[in-house]
Amino acid sequence: VTGALKLFFRELPEPLVPFGHFDK
């Protein structure tokens, strides 16, 4: 279950924190 949750977030086209927010 935890592996599936982590995989879901890792496979998103853009992470939960969008790329444009990373440096901020």
PDB file of all heavy atoms in Angstrom:
ATOM      1  N   VAL A   1       0.839  -1.205   0.000  1.00  0.00           N
ATOM      2  CA  VAL A   1       0.000   0.000   0.000  1.00  0.00           C
ATOM      3  C   VAL A   1       0.872   1.253   0.000  1.00  0.00           C
ATOM      4  O   VAL A   1       0.656   2.176  -0.788  1.00  0.00           O
ATOM      5  CB  VAL A   1      -0.966  -0.011   1.210  1.00  0.00           C
ATOM      6  CG1 VAL A   1      -1.774   1.275   1.265  1.00  0.00           C
ATOM      7  CG2 VAL A   1      -1.886  -1.220   1.143  1.00  0.00           C
ATOM      8  N   THR A   2       1.863   1.304   0.877  1.00  0.00           N
ATOM      9  CA  THR A   2       2.706   2.495   0.945  1.00  0.00           C
ATOM     10  C   THR A   2       3.532   2.658  -0.326  1.00  0.00           C
ATOM     11  O   THR A   2       3.734   3.786  -0.797  1.00  0.00           O
ATOM     12  CB  THR A   2       3.634   2.460   2.177  1.00  0.00           C
ATOM     13  OG1 THR A   2       4.416   1.278   2.136  1.00  0.00           O
ATOM     14  CG2 THR A   2       2.842   2.512   3.458  1.00  0.00           C
ATOM     15  N   GLY A   3       3.987   1.552  -0.898  1.00  0.00           N
ATOM     16  CA  GLY A   3       4.717   1.625  -2.161  1.00  0.00           C
ATOM     17  C   GLY A   3       3.844   2.160  -3.284  1.00  0.00           C
ATOM     18  O   GLY A   3       4.299   2.948  -4.122  1.00  0.00           O
ATOM     19  N   ALA A   4       2.575   1.742  -3.303  1.00  0.00           N
ATOM     20  CA  ALA A   4       1.641   2.231  -4.316  1.00  0.00           C
ATOM     21  C   ALA A   4       1.397   3.731  -4.150  1.00  0.00           C
ATOM     22  O   ALA A   4       1.337   4.474  -5.139  1.00  0.00           O
ATOM     23  CB  ALA A   4       0.324   1.461  -4.241  1.00  0.00           C
ATOM     24  N   LEU A   5       1.270   4.178  -2.907  1.00  0.00           N
ATOM     25  CA  LEU A   5       1.055   5.603  -2.651  1.00  0.00           C
ATOM     26  C   LEU A   5       2.255   6.415  -3.135  1.00  0.00           C
ATOM     27  O   LEU A   5       2.111   7.407  -3.851  1.00  0.00           O
ATOM     28  CB  LEU A   5       0.814   5.846  -1.165  1.00  0.00           C
ATOM     29  CG  LEU A   5       0.584   7.305  -0.752  1.00  0.00           C
ATOM     30  CD1 LEU A   5      -0.715   7.838  -1.348  1.00  0.00           C
ATOM     31  CD2 LEU A   5       0.561   7.409   0.778  1.00  0.00           C
ATOM     32  N   LYS A   6       3.439   5.985  -2.770  1.00  0.00           N
ATOM     33  CA  LYS A   6       4.653   6.692  -3.184  1.00  0.00           C
ATOM     34  C   LYS A   6       4.803   6.658  -4.709  1.00  0.00           C
ATOM     35  O   LYS A   6       5.145   7.670  -5.332  1.00  0.00           O
ATOM     36  CB  LYS A   6       5.864   6.081  -2.503  1.00  0.00           C
ATOM     37  CG  LYS A   6       7.124   6.875  -2.734  1.00  0.00           C
ATOM     38  CD  LYS A   6       8.282   6.286  -1.965  1.00  0.00           C
ATOM     39  CE  LYS A   6       9.586   6.838  -2.482  1.00  0.00           C
ATOM     40  NZ  LYS A   6      10.729   6.095  -2.071  1.00  0.00           N
ATOM     41  N   LEU A   7       4.535   5.520  -5.324  1.00  0.00           N
ATOM     42  CA  LEU A   7       4.625   5.394  -6.778  1.00  0.00           C
ATOM     43  C   LEU A   7       3.634   6.329  -7.465  1.00  0.00           C
ATOM     44  O   LEU A   7       3.969   6.972  -8.468  1.00  0.00           O
ATOM     45  CB  LEU A   7       4.381   3.945  -7.206  1.00  0.00           C
ATOM     46  CG  LEU A   7       4.455   3.673  -8.703  1.00  0.00           C
ATOM     47  CD1 LEU A   7       5.874   3.930  -9.221  1.00  0.00           C
ATOM     48  CD2 LEU A   7       4.034   2.229  -8.987  1.00  0.00           C
ATOM     49  N   PHE A   8       2.423   6.427  -6.919  1.00  0.00           N
ATOM     50  CA  PHE A   8       1.423   7.335  -7.491  1.00  0.00           C
ATOM     51  C   PHE A   8       1.971   8.758  -7.565  1.00  0.00           C
ATOM     52  O   PHE A   8       1.918   9.407  -8.611  1.00  0.00           O
ATOM     53  CB  PHE A   8       0.134   7.309  -6.657  1.00  0.00           C
ATOM     54  CG  PHE A   8      -0.829   8.400  -7.035  1.00  0.00           C
ATOM     55  CD1 PHE A   8      -1.638   8.274  -8.156  1.00  0.00           C
ATOM     56  CD2 PHE A   8      -0.917   9.564  -6.277  1.00  0.00           C
ATOM     57  CE1 PHE A   8      -2.511   9.290  -8.521  1.00  0.00           C
ATOM     58  CE2 PHE A   8      -1.790  10.578  -6.633  1.00  0.00           C
ATOM     59  CZ  PHE A   8      -2.586  10.446  -7.766  1.00  0.00           C
ATOM     60  N   PHE A   9       2.518   9.236  -6.463  1.00  0.00           N
ATOM     61  CA  PHE A   9       3.034  10.604  -6.439  1.00  0.00           C
ATOM     62  C   PHE A   9       4.285  10.754  -7.308  1.00  0.00           C
ATOM     63  O   PHE A   9       4.475  11.787  -7.950  1.00  0.00           O
ATOM     64  CB  PHE A   9       3.306  11.062  -5.003  1.00  0.00           C
ATOM     65  CG  PHE A   9       2.046  11.430  -4.283  1.00  0.00           C
ATOM     66  CD1 PHE A   9       1.507  10.590  -3.324  1.00  0.00           C
ATOM     67  CD2 PHE A   9       1.375  12.609  -4.571  1.00  0.00           C
ATOM     68  CE1 PHE A   9       0.336  10.917  -2.670  1.00  0.00           C
ATOM     69  CE2 PHE A   9       0.195  12.945  -3.929  1.00  0.00           C
ATOM     70  CZ  PHE A   9      -0.326  12.100  -2.971  1.00  0.00           C
ATOM     71  N   ARG A  10       5.123   9.743  -7.370  1.00  0.00           N
ATOM     72  CA  ARG A  10       6.341   9.815  -8.173  1.00  0.00           C
ATOM     73  C   ARG A  10       6.019   9.828  -9.667  1.00  0.00           C
ATOM     74  O   ARG A  10       6.725  10.445 -10.457  1.00  0.00           O
ATOM     75  CB  ARG A  10       7.271   8.653  -7.841  1.00  0.00           C
ATOM     76  CG  ARG A  10       8.610   8.776  -8.548  1.00  0.00           C
ATOM     77  CD  ARG A  10       9.638   7.738  -8.148  1.00  0.00           C
ATOM     78  NE  ARG A  10       9.128   6.395  -8.081  1.00  0.00           N
ATOM     79  CZ  ARG A  10       9.193   5.615  -6.996  1.00  0.00           C
ATOM     80  NH1 ARG A  10       9.741   6.050  -5.897  1.00  0.00           N
ATOM     81  NH2 ARG A  10       8.700   4.394  -7.022  1.00  0.00           N
ATOM     82  N   GLU A  11       4.939   9.145 -10.061  1.00  0.00           N
ATOM     83  CA  GLU A  11       4.599   9.025 -11.478  1.00  0.00           C
ATOM     84  C   GLU A  11       3.741  10.180 -12.006  1.00  0.00           C
ATOM     85  O   GLU A  11       3.467  10.226 -13.208  1.00  0.00           O
ATOM     86  CB  GLU A  11       3.872   7.696 -11.727  1.00  0.00           C
ATOM     87  CG  GLU A  11       4.744   6.476 -11.479  1.00  0.00           C
ATOM     88  CD  GLU A  11       5.906   6.370 -12.453  1.00  0.00           C
ATOM     89  OE1 GLU A  11       5.715   6.655 -13.644  1.00  0.00           O
ATOM     90  OE2 GLU A  11       7.012   6.020 -12.005  1.00  0.00           O
ATOM     91  N   LEU A  12       3.335  11.099 -11.141  1.00  0.00           N
ATOM     92  CA  LEU A  12       2.574  12.249 -11.630  1.00  0.00           C
ATOM     93  C   LEU A  12       3.413  13.036 -12.633  1.00  0.00           C
ATOM     94  O   LEU A  12       4.624  13.172 -12.450  1.00  0.00           O
ATOM     95  CB  LEU A  12       2.178  13.166 -10.467  1.00  0.00           C
ATOM     96  CG  LEU A  12       1.120  12.658  -9.498  1.00  0.00           C
ATOM     97  CD1 LEU A  12       0.986  13.614  -8.307  1.00  0.00           C
ATOM     98  CD2 LEU A  12      -0.219  12.492 -10.208  1.00  0.00           C
ATOM     99  N   PRO A  13       2.803  13.571 -13.684  1.00  0.00           N
ATOM    100  CA  PRO A  13       3.568  14.348 -14.660  1.00  0.00           C
ATOM    101  C   PRO A  13       4.258  15.563 -14.017  1.00  0.00           C
ATOM    102  O   PRO A  13       5.342  15.944 -14.424  1.00  0.00           O
ATOM    103  CB  PRO A  13       2.532  14.807 -15.680  1.00  0.00           C
ATOM    104  CG  PRO A  13       1.296  14.044 -15.395  1.00  0.00           C
ATOM    105  CD  PRO A  13       1.398  13.451 -14.026  1.00  0.00           C
ATOM    106  N   GLU A  14       3.614  16.133 -13.030  1.00  0.00           N
ATOM    107  CA  GLU A  14       4.208  17.218 -12.262  1.00  0.00           C
ATOM    108  C   GLU A  14       4.033  16.852 -10.791  1.00  0.00           C
ATOM    109  O   GLU A  14       2.985  16.367 -10.391  1.00  0.00           O
ATOM    110  CB  GLU A  14       3.504  18.543 -12.561  1.00  0.00           C
ATOM    111  CG  GLU A  14       4.149  19.724 -11.880  1.00  0.00           C
ATOM    112  CD  GLU A  14       3.706  21.056 -12.453  1.00  0.00           C
ATOM    113  OE1 GLU A  14       2.486  21.253 -12.615  1.00  0.00           O
ATOM    114  OE2 GLU A  14       4.583  21.877 -12.728  1.00  0.00           O
ATOM    115  N   PRO A  15       5.068  17.068  -9.978  1.00  0.00           N
ATOM    116  CA  PRO A  15       4.958  16.662  -8.567  1.00  0.00           C
ATOM    117  C   PRO A  15       3.901  17.452  -7.799  1.00  0.00           C
ATOM    118  O   PRO A  15       3.367  18.450  -8.293  1.00  0.00           O
ATOM    119  CB  PRO A  15       6.358  16.928  -8.006  1.00  0.00           C
ATOM    120  CG  PRO A  15       7.047  17.797  -8.974  1.00  0.00           C
ATOM    121  CD  PRO A  15       6.352  17.668 -10.290  1.00  0.00           C
ATOM    122  N   LEU A  16       3.605  16.995  -6.604  1.00  0.00           N
ATOM    123  CA  LEU A  16       2.629  17.678  -5.753  1.00  0.00           C
ATOM    124  C   LEU A  16       3.014  19.143  -5.574  1.00  0.00           C
ATOM    125  O   LEU A  16       2.161  20.021  -5.614  1.00  0.00           O
ATOM    126  CB  LEU A  16       2.511  16.973  -4.403  1.00  0.00           C
ATOM    127  CG  LEU A  16       1.390  17.461  -3.500  1.00  0.00           C
ATOM    128  CD1 LEU A  16       0.022  17.287  -4.162  1.00  0.00           C
ATOM    129  CD2 LEU A  16       1.423  16.722  -2.169  1.00  0.00           C
ATOM    130  N   VAL A  17       4.296  19.419  -5.363  1.00  0.00           N
ATOM    131  CA  VAL A  17       4.785  20.798  -5.383  1.00  0.00           C
ATOM    132  C   VAL A  17       5.217  21.044  -6.827  1.00  0.00           C
ATOM    133  O   VAL A  17       6.208  20.480  -7.288  1.00  0.00           O
ATOM    134  CB  VAL A  17       5.974  20.995  -4.413  1.00  0.00           C
ATOM    135  CG1 VAL A  17       6.570  22.385  -4.581  1.00  0.00           C
ATOM    136  CG2 VAL A  17       5.526  20.775  -2.973  1.00  0.00           C
ATOM    137  N   PRO A  18       4.456  21.872  -7.556  1.00  0.00           N
ATOM    138  CA  PRO A  18       4.751  22.068  -8.979  1.00  0.00           C
ATOM    139  C   PRO A  18       6.190  22.547  -9.212  1.00  0.00           C
ATOM    140  O   PRO A  18       6.792  23.211  -8.373  1.00  0.00           O
ATOM    141  CB  PRO A  18       3.746  23.145  -9.402  1.00  0.00           C
ATOM    142  CG  PRO A  18       2.632  23.040  -8.415  1.00  0.00           C
ATOM    143  CD  PRO A  18       3.290  22.630  -7.117  1.00  0.00           C
ATOM    144  N   PHE A  19       6.714  22.204 -10.386  1.00  0.00           N
ATOM    145  CA  PHE A  19       8.089  22.569 -10.720  1.00  0.00           C
ATOM    146  C   PHE A  19       8.352  24.056 -10.506  1.00  0.00           C
ATOM    147  O   PHE A  19       9.420  24.435 -10.030  1.00  0.00           O
ATOM    148  CB  PHE A  19       8.414  22.195 -12.178  1.00  0.00           C
ATOM    149  CG  PHE A  19       8.408  20.718 -12.439  1.00  0.00           C
ATOM    150  CD1 PHE A  19       7.639  20.187 -13.461  1.00  0.00           C
ATOM    151  CD2 PHE A  19       9.190  19.850 -11.681  1.00  0.00           C
ATOM    152  CE1 PHE A  19       7.644  18.822 -13.726  1.00  0.00           C
ATOM    153  CE2 PHE A  19       9.207  18.483 -11.936  1.00  0.00           C
ATOM    154  CZ  PHE A  19       8.427  17.977 -12.961  1.00  0.00           C
ATOM    155  N   GLY A  20       7.387  24.888 -10.864  1.00  0.00           N
ATOM    156  CA  GLY A  20       7.561  26.333 -10.735  1.00  0.00           C
ATOM    157  C   GLY A  20       7.684  26.808  -9.292  1.00  0.00           C
ATOM    158  O   GLY A  20       8.115  27.943  -9.050  1.00  0.00           O
ATOM    159  N   HIS A  21       7.319  25.971  -8.343  1.00  0.00           N
ATOM    160  CA  HIS A  21       7.415  26.330  -6.920  1.00  0.00           C
ATOM    161  C   HIS A  21       8.666  25.763  -6.241  1.00  0.00           C
ATOM    162  O   HIS A  21       8.968  26.117  -5.109  1.00  0.00           O
ATOM    163  CB  HIS A  21       6.178  25.818  -6.163  1.00  0.00           C
ATOM    164  CG  HIS A  21       4.951  26.626  -6.381  1.00  0.00           C
ATOM    165  ND1 HIS A  21       4.258  26.632  -7.570  1.00  0.00           N
ATOM    166  CD2 HIS A  21       4.286  27.466  -5.556  1.00  0.00           C
ATOM    167  CE1 HIS A  21       3.216  27.422  -7.460  1.00  0.00           C
ATOM    168  NE2 HIS A  21       3.214  27.950  -6.247  1.00  0.00           N
ATOM    169  N   PHE A  22       9.374  24.874  -6.939  1.00  0.00           N
ATOM    170  CA  PHE A  22      10.496  24.171  -6.316  1.00  0.00           C
ATOM    171  C   PHE A  22      11.529  25.135  -5.731  1.00  0.00           C
ATOM    172  O   PHE A  22      11.852  25.064  -4.541  1.00  0.00           O
ATOM    173  CB  PHE A  22      11.172  23.224  -7.319  1.00  0.00           C
ATOM    174  CG  PHE A  22      12.355  22.499  -6.754  1.00  0.00           C
ATOM    175  CD1 PHE A  22      12.184  21.364  -5.973  1.00  0.00           C
ATOM    176  CD2 PHE A  22      13.650  22.954  -6.984  1.00  0.00           C
ATOM    177  CE1 PHE A  22      13.273  20.690  -5.434  1.00  0.00           C
ATOM    178  CE2 PHE A  22      14.746  22.294  -6.452  1.00  0.00           C
ATOM    179  CZ  PHE A  22      14.556  21.163  -5.677  1.00  0.00           C
ATOM    180  N   ASP A  23      12.041  26.038  -6.552  1.00  0.00           N
ATOM    181  CA  ASP A  23      13.087  26.954  -6.088  1.00  0.00           C
ATOM    182  C   ASP A  23      12.591  27.851  -4.955  1.00  0.00           C
ATOM    183  O   ASP A  23      13.361  28.202  -4.061  1.00  0.00           O
ATOM    184  CB  ASP A  23      13.616  27.804  -7.244  1.00  0.00           C
ATOM    185  CG  ASP A  23      14.445  26.992  -8.235  1.00  0.00           C
ATOM    186  OD1 ASP A  23      15.051  25.975  -7.817  1.00  0.00           O
ATOM    187  OD2 ASP A  23      14.483  27.374  -9.427  1.00  0.00           O
ATOM    188  N   LYS A  24      11.318  28.208  -4.992  1.00  0.00           N
ATOM    189  CA  LYS A  24      10.758  29.060  -3.933  1.00  0.00           C
ATOM    190  C   LYS A  24      10.739  28.327  -2.588  1.00  0.00           C
ATOM    191  O   LYS A  24      11.059  28.903  -1.553  1.00  0.00           O
ATOM    192  CB  LYS A  24       9.346  29.514  -4.306  1.00  0.00           C
ATOM    193  CG  LYS A  24       9.287  30.386  -5.547  1.00  0.00           C
ATOM    194  CD  LYS A  24       7.847  30.640  -5.956  1.00  0.00           C
ATOM    195  CE  LYS A  24       7.801  31.322  -7.309  1.00  0.00           C
ATOM    196  NZ  LYS A  24       6.441  31.425  -7.832  1.00  0.00           N
TER     197      LYS A  24
END
